Every structure is written in structure tokens, then in C-alpha cells.
Protein backbone atom coordinates (compact mmCIF):
# COMPACT_ATOMS: atom_id res chain seq x y z
CA MET A 1 4.90 1.65 -2.83
CA MET A 2 7.84 -0.32 -4.54
CA ASP A 3 10.36 -1.47 -2.05
CA TRP A 4 8.58 -0.14 0.53
CA THR A 5 5.63 -2.06 1.84
CA ASP A 6 7.31 -5.66 1.59
CA ARG A 7 6.38 -8.42 3.32
CA HIS A 8 8.31 -7.07 6.60
CA CYS A 9 6.72 -4.02 6.28
CA ARG A 10 3.36 -5.38 6.40
CA PHE A 11 3.60 -8.01 9.17
CA PHE A 12 4.83 -4.41 10.93
CA HIS A 13 1.62 -2.39 10.00
CA ARG A 14 -0.52 -5.62 10.73
CA LEU A 15 0.58 -4.83 14.20
CA LEU A 16 -0.68 -1.37 15.01
CA ALA A 17 -3.84 -1.62 12.31
CA PRO A 18 -5.72 -5.10 13.00
CA ARG A 19 -8.32 -4.38 10.45
CA ALA A 20 -6.71 -2.28 7.47
CA LEU A 21 -6.44 -4.85 4.18
CA LEU A 22 -2.76 -4.45 3.16
CA PHE A 23 -1.63 -3.99 -0.29
CA SER A 24 1.83 -5.63 -1.24
CA GLU A 25 4.33 -3.24 -3.45
CA MET A 26 3.77 -3.81 -6.78
CA VAL A 27 4.97 -6.86 -8.18
CA THR A 28 5.26 -6.95 -12.61
CA THR A 29 4.14 -10.04 -14.45
CA GLY A 30 7.65 -10.24 -15.71
CA ALA A 31 9.23 -10.59 -12.20
CA ILE A 32 6.48 -13.37 -11.30
CA ARG A 33 6.81 -14.66 -14.92
CA HIS A 34 11.29 -14.91 -14.96
CA GLY A 35 11.98 -14.13 -11.51
CA PRO A 36 11.92 -16.18 -7.68
CA THR A 37 8.25 -16.30 -7.38
CA ASP A 38 8.96 -17.44 -3.88
CA ARG A 39 10.75 -14.35 -2.89
CA LEU A 40 8.53 -11.96 -4.76
CA LEU A 41 5.24 -13.24 -3.46
CA ALA A 42 5.94 -15.40 -0.48
CA PHE A 43 4.69 -13.65 2.93
CA ASP A 44 3.67 -14.64 6.44
CA ALA A 45 0.08 -15.77 7.27
CA ARG A 46 -0.14 -12.71 10.15
CA GLU A 47 -0.21 -10.45 8.02
CA GLN A 48 -3.52 -11.17 6.03
CA PRO A 49 -5.46 -9.79 4.30
CA VAL A 50 -2.84 -8.74 1.71
CA ILE A 51 -3.84 -7.43 -1.74
CA LEU A 52 -1.05 -8.32 -4.09
CA GLN A 53 -1.05 -4.98 -6.54
CA LEU A 54 0.33 -6.37 -9.97
CA GLY A 55 2.23 -4.41 -12.54
CA GLY A 56 1.59 -5.55 -16.58
CA SER A 57 -0.56 -4.67 -19.78
CA GLU A 58 -0.86 -7.92 -21.25
CA PRO A 59 -3.92 -9.72 -20.30
CA ASP A 60 -2.75 -13.12 -21.07
CA GLU A 61 0.42 -12.07 -18.77
CA LEU A 62 -1.90 -10.88 -15.96
CA ALA A 63 -4.06 -13.63 -15.73
CA ALA A 64 -0.92 -16.14 -15.72
CA ALA A 65 0.81 -14.31 -13.28
CA ILE A 66 -2.20 -14.47 -10.84
CA ARG A 67 -2.66 -18.39 -11.87
CA THR A 68 0.96 -18.14 -10.26
CA ALA A 69 -0.21 -16.27 -7.51
CA GLU A 70 -2.95 -18.26 -6.19
CA ALA A 71 -0.52 -20.60 -3.99
CA PHE A 72 0.63 -18.04 -1.99
CA GLY A 73 -2.93 -17.54 -0.60
CA TYR A 74 -3.83 -14.06 -1.21
CA ALA A 75 -6.65 -12.04 -0.46
CA GLY A 76 -7.39 -10.54 -3.86
CA TYR A 77 -5.17 -8.22 -6.99
CA ASP A 78 -4.97 -4.78 -7.61
CA LEU A 79 -3.96 -3.87 -11.36
CA ASN A 80 -1.78 -0.51 -10.80
CA CYS A 81 -2.82 1.99 -13.13
CA GLY A 82 -1.38 5.03 -11.22
CA CYS A 83 2.30 5.04 -11.23
CA PRO A 84 3.85 7.44 -13.23
CA SER A 85 7.75 6.79 -13.18
CA ASP A 86 9.88 6.37 -16.13
CA ARG A 87 10.61 2.89 -15.47
CA VAL A 88 6.95 1.83 -15.71
CA GLN A 89 5.85 4.05 -18.60
CA LYS A 90 8.69 2.09 -20.37
CA GLY A 91 6.91 -1.05 -19.26
CA ARG A 92 3.67 0.48 -20.69
CA PHE A 93 1.48 -0.13 -17.13
CA GLY A 94 1.19 2.09 -14.06
CA ALA A 95 -0.37 5.55 -15.06
CA CYS A 96 0.30 5.60 -18.87
CA LEU A 97 -2.61 2.64 -19.16
CA MET A 98 -4.88 5.55 -18.26
CA ALA A 99 -5.23 6.57 -21.72
CA GLU A 100 -6.16 3.09 -22.69
CA PRO A 101 -9.10 2.31 -20.45
CA GLU A 102 -10.41 -1.07 -23.15
CA ARG A 103 -7.18 -2.41 -22.62
CA VAL A 104 -7.38 -2.30 -18.16
CA ARG A 105 -11.01 -3.57 -19.24
CA ASP A 106 -9.65 -6.31 -20.89
CA CYS A 107 -6.85 -7.06 -18.63
CA LEU A 108 -9.51 -7.22 -16.03
CA SER A 109 -11.53 -9.31 -17.58
CA ALA A 110 -8.61 -11.84 -18.16
CA MET A 111 -7.62 -11.41 -14.62
CA ARG A 112 -11.41 -12.39 -13.60
CA GLU A 113 -11.11 -15.27 -15.56
CA ALA A 114 -7.88 -16.43 -13.45
CA THR A 115 -9.74 -15.85 -10.36
CA ALA A 116 -12.58 -16.23 -8.10
CA LYS A 117 -11.22 -13.64 -5.58
CA PRO A 118 -11.76 -9.35 -5.29
CA LEU A 119 -10.20 -7.29 -7.90
CA SER A 120 -9.68 -3.98 -7.84
CA VAL A 121 -7.73 -0.91 -9.67
CA LYS A 122 -5.31 1.78 -9.06
CA SER A 123 -5.51 4.98 -10.65
CA ARG A 124 -4.99 8.47 -10.47
CA ILE A 125 -7.93 11.27 -11.71
CA GLY A 126 -6.59 11.66 -14.85
CA ILE A 127 -3.26 12.61 -17.08
CA ASP A 128 -1.30 15.26 -18.90
CA ASP A 129 -3.39 17.86 -19.92
CA VAL A 130 -6.96 16.11 -20.40
CA ASP A 131 -10.16 17.61 -18.61
CA GLU A 132 -10.10 14.92 -15.70
CA ALA A 133 -14.10 14.84 -14.66
CA PRO A 134 -15.21 13.21 -18.60
CA PHE A 135 -12.22 11.98 -18.32
CA LEU A 136 -12.01 9.79 -15.56
CA GLU A 137 -15.90 9.17 -15.72
CA ARG A 138 -15.07 7.69 -19.25
CA PHE A 139 -12.22 5.23 -17.55
CA VAL A 140 -14.19 4.08 -14.63
CA THR A 141 -17.24 3.88 -16.89
CA THR A 142 -15.37 1.62 -19.14
CA VAL A 143 -12.86 -0.80 -16.80
CA ALA A 144 -16.24 -1.58 -14.94
CA GLU A 145 -17.87 -3.32 -18.05
CA ALA A 146 -15.05 -5.89 -16.88
CA GLY A 147 -17.38 -6.41 -13.19
CA ILE A 148 -14.84 -4.19 -11.79
CA ASP A 149 -16.86 -2.32 -9.09
CA THR A 150 -13.56 -1.30 -6.36
CA PHE A 151 -11.81 1.86 -8.08
CA VAL A 152 -8.79 2.98 -5.51
CA ILE A 153 -8.75 6.85 -6.89
CA HIS A 154 -5.43 9.02 -6.09
CA ALA A 155 -6.68 12.40 -6.05
CA ARG A 156 -4.35 13.70 -8.43
CA LYS A 157 -3.54 14.05 -11.68
CA ALA A 158 -0.14 12.67 -13.12
CA TRP A 159 1.93 14.25 -15.34
CA LEU A 160 3.86 11.75 -17.54
CA GLN A 161 6.59 14.02 -18.82
CA GLY A 162 8.27 16.67 -17.04
CA LEU A 163 7.55 16.10 -13.45
CA SER A 164 9.46 13.40 -11.30
CA PRO A 165 7.56 10.45 -9.45
CA LYS A 166 8.19 12.36 -6.00
CA GLN A 167 6.91 15.40 -7.44
CA ASN A 168 4.00 13.71 -8.69
CA ARG A 169 3.06 13.56 -5.26
CA GLU A 170 3.18 16.70 -4.62
CA VAL A 171 2.80 19.42 -7.76
CA PRO A 172 -0.88 18.47 -9.00
CA PRO A 173 -3.18 19.62 -6.86
CA LEU A 174 -5.51 17.20 -5.17
CA ARG A 175 -9.43 16.95 -6.31
CA TYR A 176 -11.30 15.30 -3.41
CA ALA A 177 -14.59 16.72 -4.78
CA LEU A 178 -14.37 15.42 -8.36
CA VAL A 179 -13.58 11.95 -6.72
CA GLU A 180 -16.82 12.21 -4.47
CA ALA A 181 -18.48 13.54 -7.32
CA LEU A 182 -17.63 10.23 -8.83
CA GLN A 183 -18.89 8.10 -6.16
CA ARG A 184 -22.17 10.07 -5.40
CA HIS A 185 -22.28 9.50 -9.18
CA HIS A 186 -22.15 5.84 -8.73
CA PRO A 187 -23.69 4.12 -5.98
CA GLU A 188 -22.91 0.66 -7.50
CA LEU A 189 -18.53 1.09 -7.07
CA ARG A 190 -16.46 0.83 -4.38
CA ILE A 191 -14.49 3.66 -4.63
CA VAL A 192 -12.20 4.58 -2.49
CA LEU A 193 -10.00 7.57 -2.05
CA ASN A 194 -6.21 7.51 -1.87
CA GLY A 195 -3.93 10.96 -1.70
CA GLY A 196 -2.12 13.53 1.00
CA LEU A 197 -4.49 11.56 3.88
CA ARG A 198 -2.54 12.46 7.07
CA THR A 199 -4.55 12.62 10.02
CA PRO A 200 -7.81 11.15 11.91
CA GLY A 201 -9.60 14.14 10.86
CA ASP A 202 -8.61 13.80 6.82
CA VAL A 203 -9.86 9.56 7.48
CA ALA A 204 -12.99 11.14 9.40
CA ARG A 205 -13.88 13.80 6.26
CA ALA A 206 -13.43 10.99 3.16
CA MET A 207 -15.45 8.35 5.33
CA ARG A 208 -18.45 10.43 4.53
CA TRP A 209 -18.30 9.70 1.52
CA ALA A 210 -15.78 7.26 0.42
CA LYS A 211 -16.20 3.68 0.97
CA GLY A 212 -12.86 3.50 2.25
CA VAL A 213 -9.12 5.34 2.47
CA MET A 214 -5.81 3.95 1.31
CA ILE A 215 -2.98 5.16 3.19
CA GLY A 216 0.09 5.58 1.63
CA ARG A 217 3.09 7.46 2.85
CA GLU A 218 2.01 9.05 6.06
CA ALA A 219 1.73 5.13 7.16
CA TYR A 220 5.13 3.90 6.34
CA GLN A 221 7.08 7.40 7.52
CA ASN A 222 4.88 8.04 10.41
CA PRO A 223 3.77 4.12 11.62
CA ALA A 224 3.04 5.45 14.61
CA SER A 225 -0.24 7.32 13.06
CA LEU A 226 -1.85 4.27 11.93
CA PRO A 227 -4.03 2.94 15.27
CA ALA A 228 -5.45 6.48 15.19
CA LEU A 229 -5.86 6.50 11.32
CA GLU A 230 -7.08 3.40 11.37
CA ALA A 231 -9.68 4.15 14.66
CA ALA A 232 -10.90 7.13 12.70
CA ALA A 233 -11.66 4.65 9.26
CA TRP A 234 -13.52 2.30 11.48
CA ASN A 235 -15.50 4.72 13.59
CA ARG A 236 -13.45 3.04 16.69
CA PRO A 237 -11.25 2.95 19.64
CA PRO A 238 -7.46 3.07 18.32
CA PRO A 239 -6.35 -0.86 18.60
CA VAL A 240 -3.10 0.06 19.93
CA THR A 241 -2.30 2.77 22.39
CA ASP A 242 0.69 0.77 24.53
CA PHE A 243 3.23 -0.26 22.33
CA THR A 244 4.82 -3.01 24.36
CA ALA A 245 2.90 -5.77 22.61
CA VAL A 246 4.44 -4.02 19.36
CA VAL A 247 7.39 -4.46 20.22
CA ALA A 248 7.62 -7.81 21.65
CA ALA A 249 6.09 -9.21 18.27
CA LEU A 250 8.45 -6.97 16.22
CA ALA A 251 11.66 -9.10 18.57
CA ASP A 252 10.17 -12.22 17.79
CA TYR A 253 9.82 -11.49 14.34
CA VAL A 254 13.29 -10.70 13.61
CA ASP A 255 14.57 -13.62 15.71
CA GLN A 256 12.31 -15.49 13.68
CA SER A 257 13.16 -14.19 10.34
CA ARG A 258 17.32 -14.44 11.21
CA GLY A 259 16.50 -17.86 11.55
CA GLN A 260 15.24 -17.41 7.82
CA GLY A 261 18.79 -16.06 6.82
CA VAL A 262 16.99 -12.34 6.64
CA PRO A 263 19.03 -9.64 8.32
CA ALA A 264 17.81 -7.34 10.83
CA ALA A 265 18.13 -4.65 8.96
CA ALA A 266 15.60 -5.94 5.90
CA ILE A 267 12.87 -5.58 8.87
CA LEU A 268 14.21 -2.97 10.91
CA ARG A 269 14.68 -0.33 8.17
CA HIS A 270 11.05 0.13 8.02
CA THR A 271 10.27 0.85 12.01
CA LEU A 272 12.20 4.35 12.57
CA GLY A 273 9.30 5.70 13.04
CA LEU A 274 7.31 3.55 15.29
CA PHE A 275 7.57 6.06 18.26
CA ASN A 276 7.38 8.97 16.42
CA GLY A 277 5.97 12.08 18.58
CA ARG A 278 6.28 10.04 21.67
CA PRO A 279 9.49 10.81 24.24
CA GLY A 280 12.52 8.50 23.21
CA ALA A 281 11.69 8.39 19.42
CA ARG A 282 14.59 9.60 18.78
CA LEU A 283 16.56 7.34 21.03
CA TRP A 284 14.81 4.83 19.02
CA ARG A 285 16.04 5.48 15.71
CA ARG A 286 19.68 6.33 16.48
CA THR A 287 19.67 2.98 18.30
CA LEU A 288 19.17 0.51 15.51
CA SER A 289 19.85 3.06 12.98
CA ASP A 290 23.40 2.49 14.20
CA GLU A 291 22.92 -1.27 14.87
CA MET A 292 20.63 -3.16 12.59
CA ARG A 293 23.08 -3.79 10.52
CA SER A 294 25.01 -5.54 12.10
CA PRO A 295 25.78 -9.18 11.10
CA LEU A 296 24.73 -9.95 14.99
CA ALA A 297 21.60 -8.18 14.82
CA ALA A 298 18.68 -9.53 15.99
CA GLY A 299 15.57 -9.49 18.38
CA ASP A 300 17.61 -8.43 21.28
CA LEU A 301 18.04 -5.01 19.14
CA VAL A 302 14.72 -3.97 19.55
CA ARG A 303 13.84 -4.87 23.19
CA ARG A 304 16.47 -2.77 24.09
CA ALA A 305 16.24 -0.05 21.58
CA ALA A 306 12.63 0.20 22.82
CA ALA A 307 13.04 -0.21 26.77
CA PRO A 308 13.73 3.39 27.70
CA VAL A 309 11.22 5.17 25.42
CA LEU A 310 8.16 2.01 27.09
CA GLU A 311 9.76 2.87 29.98
CA ARG A 312 9.33 6.57 29.99
CA GLN A 313 5.62 5.35 28.60
CA ALA A 314 4.77 3.59 31.77
CA ALA A 315 5.77 6.69 33.96
């Protein structure tokens, strides 16, 4: 999720979901080739395990991007074949690549030559007016020829023309049954279900057949749900019930990052939903929103904004 799941967002989410596999925002091969690699690729070791999601369609360029990224210590790499935005299509990557499974296979083969770490593909179930089931079957089996066994599948078709990226997340119907049938037909593959999963019940039902779930916008917009979602995925008690330690670690991280020239707002914009559903959530959001862009904002703002909420939690 470009401009959302940056390193600061991932650090925050790791505090709430210690077992989750975290994915970076999509980074294009061109950005890695021409941009500031430290800013694009560096991350805090406490975020691990982190997967770098790449956008690109040229095998050599994807391999070169991985060779550059290897120095940063990512746990693995994912090729985005699911984003339907016009900007991404103009670069000939994202969801439009699903129409070229042989090219995707060749991309993954080149990526495999550049690293021994795990590789995966993020896709939709189809594009435009194709018949999803045979299209998805051909895409997955062709790409798997590169030795790839992990597919993260958003269970909606992507319309490359006529729908905005937001509409592409809401308008095409979710077809979980199609993805489940793919997993049952290919037990040798690791199918990770994505799309529309918002509650622990959603996750628990998916985990009856899927080998993993990916949570996107729900995790970002309602991070307070992350402990319960992780608990459902692992069938274990929630890893976090009291957010006191989360607040303390977040405040310390803000102070640490400010010492490196990172403004507090760059971190705290990701945290507004921390107390969603709990007494005092509105006060937390208002305090941060009003003050986090001040050049003086630091960890003390986090502690002060959270204090009334944590007091109610302890009462």
C-alpha cells in the first residue's frame, strides 16, 4: 500500500502483531535504480520479518533491484501483480502483468537467481472480462514454473479501465470460493487470501483452508484490531491486550527518530486508530492531529495523548 506501509507504519504494527509477516509498500525497480536507496529500503531491525514488495516487469531490472536490496536484510521479496492504478499500468506492472504469465514467470526466475530468500507473487483473481477460474489457474501454474509456491491472492477481479483503485477494492465481488478451490486443487502451493478480511471471524474461517491471510486496509485504518486478527490466524490468545507497553515503545521510537531528523508527524499519522473502539479514542486522535505537525512534537506528545486513555483502561 504505497505511502501507507512505510518503515514507521511497520514499526508501529510490529508492536501490535509480533508474529505477523510485514510487507513493505510497493517500491518500483526504477525508484531503486535512480532514487535514494537508504530512504527507500532501510528499516529498523525490530520490524523483522519484512518482505520487500517490488513493482516492475523487466527480469533484469527486478534481479538488479533485489541485489541492491539484499544489503538491507529483507526476509524475502514479493512481485506486485495486483495493483490496478493507471500510474502502475503505464509502467507496465501491477495487475496488467496478469495478462502475461510467461513474463511474470521469467521475472520470478530472474529474481530467484538473485536471491535464495523466499519469493511470492501478489495478484488478483483476474482482470477485466476474463473468466476468472481458468485465467487464474493458467496464471498460477505458469508462474509456479519458476519454482515459486507462494501466491497472495486478492479475491477480486481488477478492472483495468473504468474503475478507480478505490472502486477496484470495493466494486468487483469477492470470490473466496474460487481461491479456496485453487488451494484445494494445488495443495503443493501456499495460497494466502487477501481482500475484505476485517474481523477475527473472517480470519478464522479463511484459515480453515488457506495457508495464510493478508490484512491490508483494515490493519492500517483500525490498528487496534491487529492483536485479535493475529490471534485468530495463529489460534492463540491475543499477543497484546494492554496498550501501555505499545505507547511506551512508540514514544521512545518517536524520540529516537527525531534524533535522526524524522518529524513526529511522519510516524504518528499511522497511529491515529490505535485506540479505536476504546474509551478515549477520540481524545487520542484529536490530540495527535492537533499537535503532531509542530516542530516541537516528540515522544512526550504520545505519552500525554495516551495518558487519559490508559487511565480509563486501568480503571
